[in-house]
Protein backbone atom coordinates (compact mmCIF):
# COMPACT_ATOMS: atom_id res chain seq x y z
CA UNK A 1 20.20 -11.59 10.85
CA UNK A 2 23.87 -10.76 11.28
CA UNK A 3 24.97 -10.00 14.84
CA UNK A 4 27.71 -7.65 15.93
CA UNK A 5 29.59 -10.50 17.61
CA UNK A 6 29.66 -12.57 14.39
CA UNK A 7 27.21 -15.24 15.53
CA UNK A 8 24.49 -14.26 13.05
CA UNK A 9 23.83 -15.51 9.56
CA UNK A 10 24.16 -15.91 6.62
CA UNK A 11 27.77 -14.67 6.42
CA UNK A 12 28.73 -14.36 10.11
CA UNK A 13 29.69 -10.71 9.67
CA UNK A 14 30.68 -8.77 12.75
CA UNK A 15 31.02 -5.19 13.93
CA UNK A 16 31.47 -2.57 11.25
CA UNK A 17 31.45 -5.27 8.57
CA UNK A 18 27.67 -5.12 8.97
CA UNK A 19 26.33 -2.11 7.08
CA UNK A 20 24.74 0.71 9.06
CA UNK A 21 21.39 0.15 7.34
CA UNK A 22 21.33 -3.48 8.49
CA UNK A 23 22.28 -2.42 12.03
CA UNK A 24 19.45 0.13 12.07
CA UNK A 25 16.97 -2.43 10.72
CA UNK A 26 18.03 -4.97 13.35
CA UNK A 27 17.27 -2.51 16.16
CA UNK A 28 14.03 -1.36 14.53
CA UNK A 29 12.85 -4.93 13.98
CA UNK A 30 13.62 -5.98 17.55
CA UNK A 31 12.03 -2.82 18.96
CA UNK A 32 8.83 -3.33 17.00
CA UNK A 33 8.62 -7.03 17.88
CA UNK A 34 8.92 -6.30 21.59
CA UNK A 35 6.81 -3.12 21.68
CA UNK A 36 3.80 -4.72 19.95
CA UNK A 37 1.58 -7.25 21.69
CA UNK A 38 1.75 -10.87 20.60
CA UNK A 39 -0.83 -13.61 20.97
CA UNK A 40 1.25 -15.10 23.78
CA UNK A 41 2.20 -11.90 25.66
CA UNK A 42 1.39 -8.23 26.11
CA UNK A 43 3.55 -5.51 24.61
CA UNK A 44 6.60 -4.63 26.66
CA UNK A 45 6.97 -1.07 27.94
CA UNK A 46 9.38 1.26 26.18
CA UNK A 47 11.74 1.18 29.15
CA UNK A 48 11.73 -2.63 29.10
CA UNK A 49 12.42 -2.73 25.36
CA UNK A 50 15.24 -0.20 25.59
CA UNK A 51 16.68 -2.06 28.58
CA UNK A 52 16.75 -5.33 26.65
CA UNK A 53 18.34 -3.68 23.61
CA UNK A 54 20.99 -2.07 25.82
CA UNK A 55 21.70 -5.35 27.65
CA UNK A 56 22.29 -7.16 24.35
CA UNK A 57 25.20 -5.02 23.21
CA UNK A 58 26.77 -8.04 21.51
CA UNK A 59 23.77 -8.15 19.16
CA UNK A 60 22.70 -4.52 18.66
CA UNK A 61 24.69 -1.42 17.74
CA UNK A 62 24.51 0.71 20.88
CA UNK A 63 24.82 3.96 18.92
CA UNK A 64 21.66 2.96 17.05
CA UNK A 65 19.93 2.00 20.33
CA UNK A 66 20.91 5.38 21.81
CA UNK A 67 19.56 7.17 18.73
CA UNK A 68 16.29 5.25 19.08
CA UNK A 69 16.03 6.28 22.74
CA UNK A 70 16.54 9.92 21.77
CA UNK A 71 13.94 9.63 19.00
CA UNK A 72 11.41 8.08 21.37
CA UNK A 73 11.77 11.05 23.73
CA UNK A 74 10.59 13.46 21.00
CA UNK A 75 7.10 14.25 19.73
CA UNK A 76 7.87 12.22 16.58
CA UNK A 77 8.76 9.26 18.79
CA UNK A 78 5.53 9.68 20.71
CA UNK A 79 3.59 9.55 17.43
CA UNK A 80 5.50 6.42 16.44
CA UNK A 81 4.61 4.71 19.71
CA UNK A 82 0.97 5.71 19.27
CA UNK A 83 0.88 4.05 15.84
CA UNK A 84 2.22 0.84 17.37
CA UNK A 85 -0.59 0.74 19.91
CA UNK A 86 -3.38 1.74 17.52
CA UNK A 87 -2.62 -0.65 14.63
CA UNK A 88 -4.55 -3.46 16.27
CA UNK A 89 -7.58 -1.20 16.73
CA UNK A 90 -7.94 -0.32 13.03
């Protein structure tokens, strides 16, 4: 829950003081939350999700967001997206 600008918690870390694994997990968690449907809204499109992540550069490591965008453009990324949309059907 740390944010790059230091407004997160519990220790108000900022920038590179936040480990790369935590920065990756923050992007992955936000991506999944927005890309999956919720009881109160439909899933957002990939372009919407990536746009939001890019707009919130104070919160998310943009190198990680860029890496996610590259991954999503591959066949592995396509499979990942398909698992997000089929989980509710199983």
